[in-house]
Amino acid sequence: MANRDDVSRELGECTECGTVYAARRWPDGTIKAIGSESCQCGCTDFALVETDEETVPPNEAE
């Protein structure tokens, strides 16, 4: 089992319908939705949602 520090919280997008979920990215690169085994459409494949730092409000940027 992965160390808690090796797993990061991300946004995962269903590869079938595009629904976005809170997700965990595992050390092997697997993206899994938090709280569900699959998307509402039944798909179990998720892709990492890439975020653009410019879209983060300035007061929330690190």
Protein backbone atom coordinates (compact mmCIF):
# COMPACT_ATOMS: atom_id res chain seq x y z
CA MET A 1 0.00 0.00 0.00
CA ALA A 2 1.22 3.52 -0.82
CA ASN A 3 2.45 5.88 1.84
CA ARG A 4 -0.05 8.68 2.52
CA ASP A 5 2.60 11.20 1.36
CA ASP A 6 2.85 9.45 -2.01
CA VAL A 7 -0.83 10.02 -2.85
CA SER A 8 -2.00 13.47 -3.93
CA ARG A 9 -5.46 14.99 -4.20
CA GLU A 10 -6.24 16.17 -7.70
CA LEU A 11 -9.11 16.66 -10.11
CA GLY A 12 -9.91 13.67 -12.30
CA GLU A 13 -11.94 13.84 -15.49
CA CYS A 14 -13.90 10.86 -16.78
CA THR A 15 -12.39 9.78 -20.11
CA GLU A 16 -15.85 8.90 -21.47
CA CYS A 17 -18.19 11.76 -20.54
CA GLY A 18 -15.89 14.46 -19.16
CA THR A 19 -17.43 14.68 -15.68
CA VAL A 20 -14.88 16.01 -13.18
CA TYR A 21 -14.43 14.48 -9.72
CA ALA A 22 -12.22 15.03 -6.71
CA ALA A 23 -9.64 12.31 -7.15
CA ARG A 24 -6.43 10.81 -5.83
CA ARG A 25 -3.32 10.31 -7.94
CA TRP A 26 -1.39 7.20 -6.86
CA PRO A 27 2.39 6.79 -7.20
CA ASP A 28 1.91 4.57 -10.26
CA GLY A 29 0.01 7.41 -12.01
CA THR A 30 -3.44 5.90 -11.54
CA ILE A 31 -6.24 8.42 -11.02
CA LYS A 32 -9.16 7.24 -8.87
CA ALA A 33 -12.28 9.23 -7.99
CA ILE A 34 -12.73 9.82 -4.26
CA GLY A 35 -15.81 8.14 -2.83
CA SER A 36 -16.75 6.16 -5.94
CA GLU A 37 -15.38 3.28 -7.95
CA SER A 38 -16.68 4.73 -11.21
CA CYS A 39 -18.20 7.75 -12.90
CA GLN A 40 -21.95 8.22 -13.07
CA CYS A 41 -21.73 6.96 -16.67
CA GLY A 42 -20.10 3.72 -15.49
CA CYS A 43 -16.58 4.42 -16.76
CA THR A 44 -13.69 3.69 -14.40
CA ASP A 45 -10.96 5.55 -16.33
CA PHE A 46 -10.02 9.06 -15.23
CA ALA A 47 -7.46 11.53 -16.55
CA LEU A 48 -5.69 14.17 -14.51
CA VAL A 49 -7.17 17.64 -15.03
CA GLU A 50 -4.33 20.02 -15.80
CA THR A 51 -4.73 23.38 -14.12
CA ASP A 52 -3.31 26.65 -15.31
CA GLU A 53 -1.77 28.66 -12.48
CA GLU A 54 -3.09 31.84 -14.10
CA THR A 55 -6.66 30.75 -13.33
CA VAL A 56 -6.01 30.65 -9.57
CA PRO A 57 -7.18 33.88 -7.89
CA PRO A 58 -4.13 35.90 -6.71
CA ASN A 59 -5.14 35.68 -3.04
CA GLU A 60 -5.08 31.86 -3.26
CA ALA A 61 -1.85 31.48 -5.23
CA GLU A 62 1.19 30.19 -3.35
